Amino acid sequence: MRMLTTVLVLVALSTAGCANRRWGPCALAGGLIGGAIGGVGAGVGVNELEPDPTHEEIFGGAGAGLATGMLIGTLLGHAICDPEEEEIPMAVPPPPPPPPPPPAKKGTMP
């Protein structure tokens, strides 16, 4: 349970800076590539490091690696190359026209 809480906190912190980015194809590609690398790497690692691994251990390691790789790859793909949303500048109204000059007084000579 403690590890799950740690993972959720890390995910929340890592996505905090993504408020101005759209989720796009880079996140999808990163998730697919990360999942493939993580799944194969973890499956091979369990197969090589365990003295006599069972199929359940190999597939369990591959599944955990797949999920972890997909999560990390998705976040990295999103952070690296997904486009930033353009900020639309607010229309600034033109300044009011200056007041008219005061009328000249009659009967005075300059």
PDB file of N, CA and C in Angstrom:
ATOM      1  N   MET A   1       0.823  -1.189   0.000  1.00  0.00           N
ATOM      2  CA  MET A   1       0.000   0.000   0.000  1.00  0.00           C
ATOM      3  C   MET A   1       0.870   1.256   0.000  1.00  0.00           C
ATOM      4  N   ARG A   2       1.965   1.196   0.705  1.00  0.00           N
ATOM      5  CA  ARG A   2       2.851   2.352   0.778  1.00  0.00           C
ATOM      6  C   ARG A   2       3.479   2.638  -0.583  1.00  0.00           C
ATOM      7  N   MET A   3       3.813   1.576  -1.330  1.00  0.00           N
ATOM      8  CA  MET A   3       4.407   1.757  -2.647  1.00  0.00           C
ATOM      9  C   MET A   3       3.390   2.364  -3.614  1.00  0.00           C
ATOM     10  N   LEU A   4       2.136   1.943  -3.537  1.00  0.00           N
ATOM     11  CA  LEU A   4       1.099   2.498  -4.390  1.00  0.00           C
ATOM     12  C   LEU A   4       0.905   3.983  -4.111  1.00  0.00           C
ATOM     13  N   THR A   5       0.927   4.367  -2.855  1.00  0.00           N
ATOM     14  CA  THR A   5       0.799   5.775  -2.494  1.00  0.00           C
ATOM     15  C   THR A   5       1.961   6.576  -3.048  1.00  0.00           C
ATOM     16  N   THR A   6       3.165   6.030  -2.951  1.00  0.00           N
ATOM     17  CA  THR A   6       4.346   6.708  -3.480  1.00  0.00           C
ATOM     18  C   THR A   6       4.232   6.891  -4.990  1.00  0.00           C
ATOM     19  N   VAL A   7       3.787   5.859  -5.690  1.00  0.00           N
ATOM     20  CA  VAL A   7       3.637   5.950  -7.146  1.00  0.00           C
ATOM     21  C   VAL A   7       2.597   6.996  -7.511  1.00  0.00           C
ATOM     22  N   LEU A   8       1.482   7.017  -6.806  1.00  0.00           N
ATOM     23  CA  LEU A   8       0.441   7.996  -7.106  1.00  0.00           C
ATOM     24  C   LEU A   8       0.916   9.422  -6.843  1.00  0.00           C
ATOM     25  N   VAL A   9       1.675   9.621  -5.787  1.00  0.00           N
ATOM     26  CA  VAL A   9       2.214  10.952  -5.500  1.00  0.00           C
ATOM     27  C   VAL A   9       3.194  11.366  -6.591  1.00  0.00           C
ATOM     28  N   LEU A  10       4.053  10.448  -7.039  1.00  0.00           N
ATOM     29  CA  LEU A  10       5.006  10.768  -8.100  1.00  0.00           C
ATOM     30  C   LEU A  10       4.302  11.093  -9.412  1.00  0.00           C
ATOM     31  N   VAL A  11       3.250  10.363  -9.718  1.00  0.00           N
ATOM     32  CA  VAL A  11       2.486  10.649 -10.947  1.00  0.00           C
ATOM     33  C   VAL A  11       1.840  12.023 -10.848  1.00  0.00           C
ATOM     34  N   ALA A  12       1.264  12.333  -9.710  1.00  0.00           N
ATOM     35  CA  ALA A  12       0.621  13.640  -9.546  1.00  0.00           C
ATOM     36  C   ALA A  12       1.637  14.772  -9.664  1.00  0.00           C
ATOM     37  N   LEU A  13       2.810  14.593  -9.076  1.00  0.00           N
ATOM     38  CA  LEU A  13       3.830  15.634  -9.161  1.00  0.00           C
ATOM     39  C   LEU A  13       4.389  15.771 -10.570  1.00  0.00           C
ATOM     40  N   SER A  14       4.533  14.662 -11.269  1.00  0.00           N
ATOM     41  CA  SER A  14       5.113  14.732 -12.605  1.00  0.00           C
ATOM     42  C   SER A  14       4.151  15.313 -13.619  1.00  0.00           C
ATOM     43  N   THR A  15       2.851  15.231 -13.386  1.00  0.00           N
ATOM     44  CA  THR A  15       1.888  15.808 -14.321  1.00  0.00           C
ATOM     45  C   THR A  15       1.468  17.212 -13.922  1.00  0.00           C
ATOM     46  N   ALA A  16       2.005  17.733 -12.848  1.00  0.00           N
ATOM     47  CA  ALA A  16       1.597  19.063 -12.401  1.00  0.00           C
ATOM     48  C   ALA A  16       2.004  20.146 -13.395  1.00  0.00           C
ATOM     49  N   GLY A  17       3.091  19.973 -14.104  1.00  0.00           N
ATOM     50  CA  GLY A  17       3.544  20.975 -15.056  1.00  0.00           C
ATOM     51  C   GLY A  17       2.907  20.859 -16.419  1.00  0.00           C
ATOM     52  N   CYS A  18       1.962  19.980 -16.594  1.00  0.00           N
ATOM     53  CA  CYS A  18       1.358  19.728 -17.903  1.00  0.00           C
ATOM     54  C   CYS A  18       0.071  20.506 -18.116  1.00  0.00           C
ATOM     55  N   ALA A  19      -0.169  21.522 -17.339  1.00  0.00           N
ATOM     56  CA  ALA A  19      -1.436  22.234 -17.451  1.00  0.00           C
ATOM     57  C   ALA A  19      -1.561  22.971 -18.771  1.00  0.00           C
ATOM     58  N   ASN A  20      -0.456  23.375 -19.373  1.00  0.00           N
ATOM     59  CA  ASN A  20      -0.534  24.135 -20.609  1.00  0.00           C
ATOM     60  C   ASN A  20      -0.187  23.295 -21.836  1.00  0.00           C
ATOM     61  N   ARG A  21      -0.262  21.991 -21.732  1.00  0.00           N
ATOM     62  CA  ARG A  21       0.032  21.118 -22.866  1.00  0.00           C
ATOM     63  C   ARG A  21      -1.192  20.280 -23.196  1.00  0.00           C
ATOM     64  N   ARG A  22      -1.364  20.041 -24.495  1.00  0.00           N
ATOM     65  CA  ARG A  22      -2.420  19.139 -24.939  1.00  0.00           C
ATOM     66  C   ARG A  22      -1.854  17.736 -24.993  1.00  0.00           C
ATOM     67  N   TRP A  23      -2.666  16.748 -24.632  1.00  0.00           N
ATOM     68  CA  TRP A  23      -2.243  15.363 -24.761  1.00  0.00           C
ATOM     69  C   TRP A  23      -2.348  15.004 -26.227  1.00  0.00           C
ATOM     70  N   GLY A  24      -1.260  14.518 -26.784  1.00  0.00           N
ATOM     71  CA  GLY A  24      -1.256  14.256 -28.211  1.00  0.00           C
ATOM     72  C   GLY A  24      -0.552  12.962 -28.570  1.00  0.00           C
ATOM     73  N   PRO A  25      -0.091  12.861 -29.794  1.00  0.00           N
ATOM     74  CA  PRO A  25       0.494  11.624 -30.286  1.00  0.00           C
ATOM     75  C   PRO A  25       1.822  11.262 -29.619  1.00  0.00           C
ATOM     76  N   CYS A  26       2.529  12.237 -29.115  1.00  0.00           N
ATOM     77  CA  CYS A  26       3.807  11.921 -28.459  1.00  0.00           C
ATOM     78  C   CYS A  26       3.587  11.119 -27.182  1.00  0.00           C
ATOM     79  N   ALA A  27       2.535  11.429 -26.443  1.00  0.00           N
ATOM     80  CA  ALA A  27       2.230  10.672 -25.233  1.00  0.00           C
ATOM     81  C   ALA A  27       1.857   9.236 -25.590  1.00  0.00           C
ATOM     82  N   LEU A  28       1.090   9.064 -26.648  1.00  0.00           N
ATOM     83  CA  LEU A  28       0.700   7.724 -27.084  1.00  0.00           C
ATOM     84  C   LEU A  28       1.917   6.925 -27.542  1.00  0.00           C
ATOM     85  N   ALA A  29       2.748   7.543 -28.361  1.00  0.00           N
ATOM     86  CA  ALA A  29       3.947   6.850 -28.840  1.00  0.00           C
ATOM     87  C   ALA A  29       4.891   6.524 -27.686  1.00  0.00           C
ATOM     88  N   GLY A  30       5.046   7.450 -26.760  1.00  0.00           N
ATOM     89  CA  GLY A  30       5.900   7.193 -25.603  1.00  0.00           C
ATOM     90  C   GLY A  30       5.389   6.045 -24.761  1.00  0.00           C
ATOM     91  N   GLY A  31       4.065   5.966 -24.595  1.00  0.00           N
ATOM     92  CA  GLY A  31       3.478   4.870 -23.835  1.00  0.00           C
ATOM     93  C   GLY A  31       3.688   3.521 -24.508  1.00  0.00           C
ATOM     94  N   LEU A  32       3.508   3.481 -25.828  1.00  0.00           N
ATOM     95  CA  LEU A  32       3.710   2.222 -26.547  1.00  0.00           C
ATOM     96  C   LEU A  32       5.170   1.774 -26.512  1.00  0.00           C
ATOM     97  N   ILE A  33       6.063   2.696 -26.765  1.00  0.00           N
ATOM     98  CA  ILE A  33       7.495   2.348 -26.766  1.00  0.00           C
ATOM     99  C   ILE A  33       7.951   1.985 -25.356  1.00  0.00           C
ATOM    100  N   GLY A  34       7.555   2.780 -24.362  1.00  0.00           N
ATOM    101  CA  GLY A  34       7.938   2.490 -22.983  1.00  0.00           C
ATOM    102  C   GLY A  34       7.388   1.168 -22.495  1.00  0.00           C
ATOM    103  N   GLY A  35       6.143   0.859 -22.876  1.00  0.00           N
ATOM    104  CA  GLY A  35       5.552  -0.419 -22.480  1.00  0.00           C
ATOM    105  C   GLY A  35       6.276  -1.603 -23.091  1.00  0.00           C
ATOM    106  N   ALA A  36       6.638  -1.472 -24.366  1.00  0.00           N
ATOM    107  CA  ALA A  36       7.358  -2.564 -25.028  1.00  0.00           C
ATOM    108  C   ALA A  36       8.726  -2.783 -24.390  1.00  0.00           C
ATOM    109  N   ILE A  37       9.443  -1.700 -24.161  1.00  0.00           N
ATOM    110  CA  ILE A  37      10.776  -1.823 -23.557  1.00  0.00           C
ATOM    111  C   ILE A  37      10.674  -2.353 -22.133  1.00  0.00           C
ATOM    112  N   GLY A  38       9.744  -1.814 -21.351  1.00  0.00           N
ATOM    113  CA  GLY A  38       9.594  -2.249 -19.966  1.00  0.00           C
ATOM    114  C   GLY A  38       9.149  -3.689 -19.851  1.00  0.00           C
ATOM    115  N   GLY A  39       8.188  -4.107 -20.676  1.00  0.00           N
ATOM    116  CA  GLY A  39       7.698  -5.482 -20.614  1.00  0.00           C
ATOM    117  C   GLY A  39       8.747  -6.495 -21.011  1.00  0.00           C
ATOM    118  N   VAL A  40       9.417  -6.240 -22.124  1.00  0.00           N
ATOM    119  CA  VAL A  40      10.459  -7.174 -22.573  1.00  0.00           C
ATOM    120  C   VAL A  40      11.627  -7.184 -21.598  1.00  0.00           C
ATOM    121  N   GLY A  41      12.034  -5.994 -21.168  1.00  0.00           N
ATOM    122  CA  GLY A  41      13.169  -5.919 -20.246  1.00  0.00           C
ATOM    123  C   GLY A  41      12.912  -6.622 -18.928  1.00  0.00           C
ATOM    124  N   ALA A  42      11.737  -6.428 -18.366  1.00  0.00           N
ATOM    125  CA  ALA A  42      11.426  -7.073 -17.092  1.00  0.00           C
ATOM    126  C   ALA A  42      11.249  -8.577 -17.259  1.00  0.00           C
ATOM    127  N   GLY A  43      10.621  -9.004 -18.365  1.00  0.00           N
ATOM    128  CA  GLY A  43      10.471 -10.444 -18.604  1.00  0.00           C
ATOM    129  C   GLY A  43      11.807 -11.136 -18.768  1.00  0.00           C
ATOM    130  N   VAL A  44      12.697 -10.518 -19.529  1.00  0.00           N
ATOM    131  CA  VAL A  44      14.038 -11.093 -19.713  1.00  0.00           C
ATOM    132  C   VAL A  44      14.810 -11.045 -18.401  1.00  0.00           C
ATOM    133  N   GLY A  45      14.660  -9.954 -17.656  1.00  0.00           N
ATOM    134  CA  GLY A  45      15.362  -9.849 -16.381  1.00  0.00           C
ATOM    135  C   GLY A  45      14.942 -10.917 -15.394  1.00  0.00           C
ATOM    136  N   VAL A  46      13.664 -11.180 -15.283  1.00  0.00           N
ATOM    137  CA  VAL A  46      13.190 -12.239 -14.388  1.00  0.00           C
ATOM    138  C   VAL A  46      13.698 -13.591 -14.872  1.00  0.00           C
ATOM    139  N   ASN A  47      13.666 -13.817 -16.159  1.00  0.00           N
ATOM    140  CA  ASN A  47      14.119 -15.095 -16.716  1.00  0.00           C
ATOM    141  C   ASN A  47      15.605 -15.324 -16.461  1.00  0.00           C
ATOM    142  N   GLU A  48      16.398 -14.271 -16.526  1.00  0.00           N
ATOM    143  CA  GLU A  48      17.844 -14.418 -16.357  1.00  0.00           C
ATOM    144  C   GLU A  48      18.271 -14.417 -14.887  1.00  0.00           C
ATOM    145  N   LEU A  49      17.582 -13.684 -14.052  1.00  0.00           N
ATOM    146  CA  LEU A  49      18.035 -13.533 -12.669  1.00  0.00           C
ATOM    147  C   LEU A  49      17.483 -14.591 -11.727  1.00  0.00           C
ATOM    148  N   GLU A  50      16.330 -15.134 -12.013  1.00  0.00           N
ATOM    149  CA  GLU A  50      15.764 -16.185 -11.166  1.00  0.00           C
ATOM    150  C   GLU A  50      16.432 -17.513 -11.512  1.00  0.00           C
ATOM    151  N   PRO A  51      16.718 -18.345 -10.509  1.00  0.00           N
ATOM    152  CA  PRO A  51      17.383 -19.617 -10.803  1.00  0.00           C
ATOM    153  C   PRO A  51      16.531 -20.551 -11.658  1.00  0.00           C
ATOM    154  N   ASP A  52      15.258 -20.694 -11.366  1.00  0.00           N
ATOM    155  CA  ASP A  52      14.384 -21.552 -12.154  1.00  0.00           C
ATOM    156  C   ASP A  52      12.996 -20.908 -12.175  1.00  0.00           C
ATOM    157  N   PRO A  53      12.810 -19.873 -13.034  1.00  0.00           N
ATOM    158  CA  PRO A  53      11.554 -19.128 -12.986  1.00  0.00           C
ATOM    159  C   PRO A  53      10.388 -19.918 -13.582  1.00  0.00           C
ATOM    160  N   THR A  54       9.224 -19.703 -13.006  1.00  0.00           N
ATOM    161  CA  THR A  54       8.007 -20.296 -13.556  1.00  0.00           C
ATOM    162  C   THR A  54       7.427 -19.322 -14.587  1.00  0.00           C
ATOM    163  N   HIS A  55       6.466 -19.804 -15.365  1.00  0.00           N
ATOM    164  CA  HIS A  55       5.830 -18.933 -16.355  1.00  0.00           C
ATOM    165  C   HIS A  55       5.098 -17.787 -15.673  1.00  0.00           C
ATOM    166  N   GLU A  56       4.517 -18.050 -14.515  1.00  0.00           N
ATOM    167  CA  GLU A  56       3.803 -17.001 -13.791  1.00  0.00           C
ATOM    168  C   GLU A  56       4.762 -15.884 -13.361  1.00  0.00           C
ATOM    169  N   GLU A  57       5.961 -16.256 -12.911  1.00  0.00           N
ATOM    170  CA  GLU A  57       6.933 -15.242 -12.505  1.00  0.00           C
ATOM    171  C   GLU A  57       7.403 -14.413 -13.698  1.00  0.00           C
ATOM    172  N   ILE A  58       7.641 -15.062 -14.811  1.00  0.00           N
ATOM    173  CA  ILE A  58       8.099 -14.341 -15.999  1.00  0.00           C
ATOM    174  C   ILE A  58       7.011 -13.388 -16.495  1.00  0.00           C
ATOM    175  N   PHE A  59       5.770 -13.899 -16.609  1.00  0.00           N
ATOM    176  CA  PHE A  59       4.680 -13.052 -17.085  1.00  0.00           C
ATOM    177  C   PHE A  59       4.315 -11.974 -16.069  1.00  0.00           C
ATOM    178  N   GLY A  60       4.467 -12.267 -14.786  1.00  0.00           N
ATOM    179  CA  GLY A  60       4.226 -11.246 -13.766  1.00  0.00           C
ATOM    180  C   GLY A  60       5.236 -10.116 -13.876  1.00  0.00           C
ATOM    181  N   GLY A  61       6.498 -10.474 -14.051  1.00  0.00           N
ATOM    182  CA  GLY A  61       7.539  -9.458 -14.233  1.00  0.00           C
ATOM    183  C   GLY A  61       7.320  -8.661 -15.499  1.00  0.00           C
ATOM    184  N   ALA A  62       6.949  -9.362 -16.577  1.00  0.00           N
ATOM    185  CA  ALA A  62       6.697  -8.673 -17.839  1.00  0.00           C
ATOM    186  C   ALA A  62       5.502  -7.734 -17.721  1.00  0.00           C
ATOM    187  N   GLY A  63       4.467  -8.149 -17.016  1.00  0.00           N
ATOM    188  CA  GLY A  63       3.294  -7.293 -16.836  1.00  0.00           C
ATOM    189  C   GLY A  63       3.609  -6.057 -16.017  1.00  0.00           C
ATOM    190  N   ALA A  64       4.378  -6.245 -14.944  1.00  0.00           N
ATOM    191  CA  ALA A  64       4.764  -5.094 -14.120  1.00  0.00           C
ATOM    192  C   ALA A  64       5.653  -4.147 -14.914  1.00  0.00           C
ATOM    193  N   GLY A  65       6.580  -4.706 -15.690  1.00  0.00           N
ATOM    194  CA  GLY A  65       7.438  -3.869 -16.525  1.00  0.00           C
ATOM    195  C   GLY A  65       6.657  -3.150 -17.605  1.00  0.00           C
ATOM    196  N   LEU A  66       5.665  -3.828 -18.171  1.00  0.00           N
ATOM    197  CA  LEU A  66       4.816  -3.216 -19.183  1.00  0.00           C
ATOM    198  C   LEU A  66       4.067  -2.022 -18.614  1.00  0.00           C
ATOM    199  N   ALA A  67       3.439  -2.211 -17.468  1.00  0.00           N
ATOM    200  CA  ALA A  67       2.664  -1.123 -16.856  1.00  0.00           C
ATOM    201  C   ALA A  67       3.558   0.051 -16.467  1.00  0.00           C
ATOM    202  N   THR A  68       4.689  -0.249 -15.865  1.00  0.00           N
ATOM    203  CA  THR A  68       5.607   0.808 -15.444  1.00  0.00           C
ATOM    204  C   THR A  68       6.184   1.537 -16.654  1.00  0.00           C
ATOM    205  N   GLY A  69       6.582   0.770 -17.671  1.00  0.00           N
ATOM    206  CA  GLY A  69       7.129   1.385 -18.883  1.00  0.00           C
ATOM    207  C   GLY A  69       6.116   2.245 -19.604  1.00  0.00           C
ATOM    208  N   MET A  70       4.858   1.801 -19.631  1.00  0.00           N
ATOM    209  CA  MET A  70       3.817   2.603 -20.274  1.00  0.00           C
ATOM    210  C   MET A  70       3.593   3.918 -19.535  1.00  0.00           C
ATOM    211  N   LEU A  71       3.559   3.852 -18.215  1.00  0.00           N
ATOM    212  CA  LEU A  71       3.345   5.060 -17.427  1.00  0.00           C
ATOM    213  C   LEU A  71       4.486   6.056 -17.627  1.00  0.00           C
ATOM    214  N   ILE A  72       5.705   5.570 -17.483  1.00  0.00           N
ATOM    215  CA  ILE A  72       6.862   6.456 -17.620  1.00  0.00           C
ATOM    216  C   ILE A  72       6.973   6.971 -19.052  1.00  0.00           C
ATOM    217  N   GLY A  73       6.784   6.096 -20.041  1.00  0.00           N
ATOM    218  CA  GLY A  73       6.873   6.514 -21.433  1.00  0.00           C
ATOM    219  C   GLY A  73       5.815   7.537 -21.806  1.00  0.00           C
ATOM    220  N   THR A  74       4.604   7.354 -21.312  1.00  0.00           N
ATOM    221  CA  THR A  74       3.533   8.308 -21.600  1.00  0.00           C
ATOM    222  C   THR A  74       3.857   9.675 -21.026  1.00  0.00           C
ATOM    223  N   LEU A  75       4.303   9.705 -19.781  1.00  0.00           N
ATOM    224  CA  LEU A  75       4.621  10.990 -19.156  1.00  0.00           C
ATOM    225  C   LEU A  75       5.802  11.669 -19.832  1.00  0.00           C
ATOM    226  N   LEU A  76       6.826  10.885 -20.186  1.00  0.00           N
ATOM    227  CA  LEU A  76       7.987  11.481 -20.861  1.00  0.00           C
ATOM    228  C   LEU A  76       7.620  11.972 -22.259  1.00  0.00           C
ATOM    229  N   GLY A  77       6.859  11.181 -23.008  1.00  0.00           N
ATOM    230  CA  GLY A  77       6.446  11.619 -24.335  1.00  0.00           C
ATOM    231  C   GLY A  77       5.626  12.890 -24.282  1.00  0.00           C
ATOM    232  N   HIS A  78       4.767  12.977 -23.297  1.00  0.00           N
ATOM    233  CA  HIS A  78       3.947  14.179 -23.138  1.00  0.00           C
ATOM    234  C   HIS A  78       4.805  15.388 -22.770  1.00  0.00           C
ATOM    235  N   ALA A  79       5.742  15.195 -21.869  1.00  0.00           N
ATOM    236  CA  ALA A  79       6.567  16.313 -21.407  1.00  0.00           C
ATOM    237  C   ALA A  79       7.560  16.762 -22.466  1.00  0.00           C
ATOM    238  N   ILE A  80       8.015  15.829 -23.308  1.00  0.00           N
ATOM    239  CA  ILE A  80       9.064  16.177 -24.261  1.00  0.00           C
ATOM    240  C   ILE A  80       8.509  16.847 -25.513  1.00  0.00           C
ATOM    241  N   CYS A  81       7.487  16.276 -26.136  1.00  0.00           N
ATOM    242  CA  CYS A  81       7.146  16.829 -27.447  1.00  0.00           C
ATOM    243  C   CYS A  81       5.669  17.065 -27.713  1.00  0.00           C
ATOM    244  N   ASP A  82       4.779  16.914 -26.770  1.00  0.00           N
ATOM    245  CA  ASP A  82       3.395  17.295 -27.034  1.00  0.00           C
ATOM    246  C   ASP A  82       3.315  18.819 -27.111  1.00  0.00           C
ATOM    247  N   PRO A  83       2.490  19.353 -28.007  1.00  0.00           N
ATOM    248  CA  PRO A  83       2.470  20.798 -28.222  1.00  0.00           C
ATOM    249  C   PRO A  83       1.872  21.554 -27.045  1.00  0.00           C
ATOM    250  N   GLU A  84       2.416  22.736 -26.842  1.00  0.00           N
ATOM    251  CA  GLU A  84       1.859  23.613 -25.818  1.00  0.00           C
ATOM    252  C   GLU A  84       0.634  24.301 -26.395  1.00  0.00           C
ATOM    253  N   GLU A  85      -0.340  24.526 -25.550  1.00  0.00           N
ATOM    254  CA  GLU A  85      -1.531  25.228 -26.006  1.00  0.00           C
ATOM    255  C   GLU A  85      -1.202  26.698 -26.171  1.00  0.00           C
ATOM    256  N   GLU A  86      -1.708  27.255 -27.254  1.00  0.00           N
ATOM    257  CA  GLU A  86      -1.472  28.673 -27.490  1.00  0.00           C
ATOM    258  C   GLU A  86      -2.385  29.491 -26.600  1.00  0.00           C
ATOM    259  N   GLU A  87      -1.813  30.496 -26.027  1.00  0.00           N
ATOM    260  CA  GLU A  87      -2.623  31.386 -25.203  1.00  0.00           C
ATOM    261  C   GLU A  87      -3.197  32.465 -26.107  1.00  0.00           C
ATOM    262  N   ILE A  88      -4.492  32.615 -26.066  1.00  0.00           N
ATOM    263  CA  ILE A  88      -5.146  33.630 -26.875  1.00  0.00           C
ATOM    264  C   ILE A  88      -5.128  34.927 -26.072  1.00  0.00           C
ATOM    265  N   PRO A  89      -4.467  35.950 -26.622  1.00  0.00           N
ATOM    266  CA  PRO A  89      -4.423  37.198 -25.856  1.00  0.00           C
ATOM    267  C   PRO A  89      -5.811  37.821 -25.781  1.00  0.00           C
ATOM    268  N   MET A  90      -6.085  38.388 -24.651  1.00  0.00           N
ATOM    269  CA  MET A  90      -7.374  39.036 -24.471  1.00  0.00           C
ATOM    270  C   MET A  90      -7.364  40.356 -25.231  1.00  0.00           C
ATOM    271  N   ALA A  91      -8.470  40.665 -25.859  1.00  0.00           N
ATOM    272  CA  ALA A  91      -8.584  41.907 -26.616  1.00  0.00           C
ATOM    273  C   ALA A  91      -8.578  43.085 -25.646  1.00  0.00           C
ATOM    274  N   VAL A  92      -7.653  43.981 -25.857  1.00  0.00           N
ATOM    275  CA  VAL A  92      -7.553  45.158 -25.005  1.00  0.00           C
ATOM    276  C   VAL A  92      -8.318  46.278 -25.689  1.00  0.00           C
ATOM    277  N   PRO A  93      -9.292  46.850 -25.014  1.00  0.00           N
ATOM    278  CA  PRO A  93     -10.043  47.931 -25.669  1.00  0.00           C
ATOM    279  C   PRO A  93      -9.144  49.144 -25.881  1.00  0.00           C
ATOM    280  N   PRO A  94      -9.399  49.889 -26.950  1.00  0.00           N
ATOM    281  CA  PRO A  94      -8.565  51.088 -27.181  1.00  0.00           C
ATOM    282  C   PRO A  94      -8.808  52.110 -26.075  1.00  0.00           C
ATOM    283  N   PRO A  95      -7.810  52.927 -25.824  1.00  0.00           N
ATOM    284  CA  PRO A  95      -8.001  53.929 -24.764  1.00  0.00           C
ATOM    285  C   PRO A  95      -9.071  54.939 -25.184  1.00  0.00           C
ATOM    286  N   PRO A  96      -9.737  55.519 -24.207  1.00  0.00           N
ATOM    287  CA  PRO A  96     -10.782  56.494 -24.560  1.00  0.00           C
ATOM    288  C   PRO A  96     -10.155  57.727 -25.217  1.00  0.00           C
ATOM    289  N   PRO A  97     -10.906  58.391 -26.072  1.00  0.00           N
ATOM    290  CA  PRO A  97     -10.340  59.580 -26.729  1.00  0.00           C
ATOM    291  C   PRO A  97     -10.097  60.677 -25.689  1.00  0.00           C
ATOM    292  N   PRO A  98      -9.118  61.528 -25.967  1.00  0.00           N
ATOM    293  CA  PRO A  98      -8.853  62.599 -24.990  1.00  0.00           C
ATOM    294  C   PRO A  98     -10.033  63.568 -24.932  1.00  0.00           C
ATOM    295  N   PRO A  99     -10.204  64.207 -23.800  1.00  0.00           N
ATOM    296  CA  PRO A  99     -11.329  65.152 -23.695  1.00  0.00           C
ATOM    297  C   PRO A  99     -11.104  66.348 -24.627  1.00  0.00           C
ATOM    298  N   PRO A 100     -12.168  66.953 -25.089  1.00  0.00           N
ATOM    299  CA  PRO A 100     -11.998  68.123 -25.982  1.00  0.00           C
ATOM    300  C   PRO A 100     -11.368  69.279 -25.221  1.00  0.00           C
ATOM    301  N   PRO A 101     -10.651  70.139 -25.939  1.00  0.00           N
ATOM    302  CA  PRO A 101     -10.046  71.282 -25.233  1.00  0.00           C
ATOM    303  C   PRO A 101     -11.134  72.222 -24.700  1.00  0.00           C
ATOM    304  N   PRO A 102     -10.824  72.907 -23.633  1.00  0.00           N
ATOM    305  CA  PRO A 102     -11.836  73.812 -23.079  1.00  0.00           C
ATOM    306  C   PRO A 102     -12.120  74.961 -24.065  1.00  0.00           C
ATOM    307  N   PRO A 103     -13.347  75.442 -24.073  1.00  0.00           N
ATOM    308  CA  PRO A 103     -13.676  76.531 -25.007  1.00  0.00           C
ATOM    309  C   PRO A 103     -12.927  77.818 -24.621  1.00  0.00           C
ATOM    310  N   ALA A 104     -12.568  78.566 -25.644  1.00  0.00           N
ATOM    311  CA  ALA A 104     -11.857  79.832 -25.387  1.00  0.00           C
ATOM    312  C   ALA A 104     -12.847  80.849 -24.797  1.00  0.00           C
ATOM    313  N   LYS A 105     -12.318  81.664 -23.869  1.00  0.00           N
ATOM    314  CA  LYS A 105     -13.166  82.681 -23.248  1.00  0.00           C
ATOM    315  C   LYS A 105     -13.308  83.868 -24.181  1.00  0.00           C
ATOM    316  N   LYS A 106     -14.490  84.430 -24.239  1.00  0.00           N
ATOM    317  CA  LYS A 106     -14.722  85.572 -25.092  1.00  0.00           C
ATOM    318  C   LYS A 106     -14.299  86.855 -24.391  1.00  0.00           C
ATOM    319  N   GLY A 107     -13.784  87.761 -25.129  1.00  0.00           N
ATOM    320  CA  GLY A 107     -13.449  89.062 -24.610  1.00  0.00           C
ATOM    321  C   GLY A 107     -12.046  89.171 -24.066  1.00  0.00           C
ATOM    322  N   THR A 108     -11.247  88.185 -24.093  1.00  0.00           N
ATOM    323  CA  THR A 108      -9.875  88.296 -23.607  1.00  0.00           C
ATOM    324  C   THR A 108      -8.952  88.222 -24.795  1.00  0.00           C
ATOM    325  N   MET A 109      -7.919  89.012 -24.710  1.00  0.00           N
ATOM    326  CA  MET A 109      -6.928  89.015 -25.778  1.00  0.00           C
ATOM    327  C   MET A 109      -5.700  88.291 -25.294  1.00  0.00           C
ATOM    328  N   PRO A 110      -5.153  87.508 -26.136  1.00  0.00           N
ATOM    329  CA  PRO A 110      -3.929  86.806 -25.719  1.00  0.00           C
ATOM    330  C   PRO A 110      -2.724  87.666 -25.795  1.00  0.00           C
TER     331      PRO A 110
END
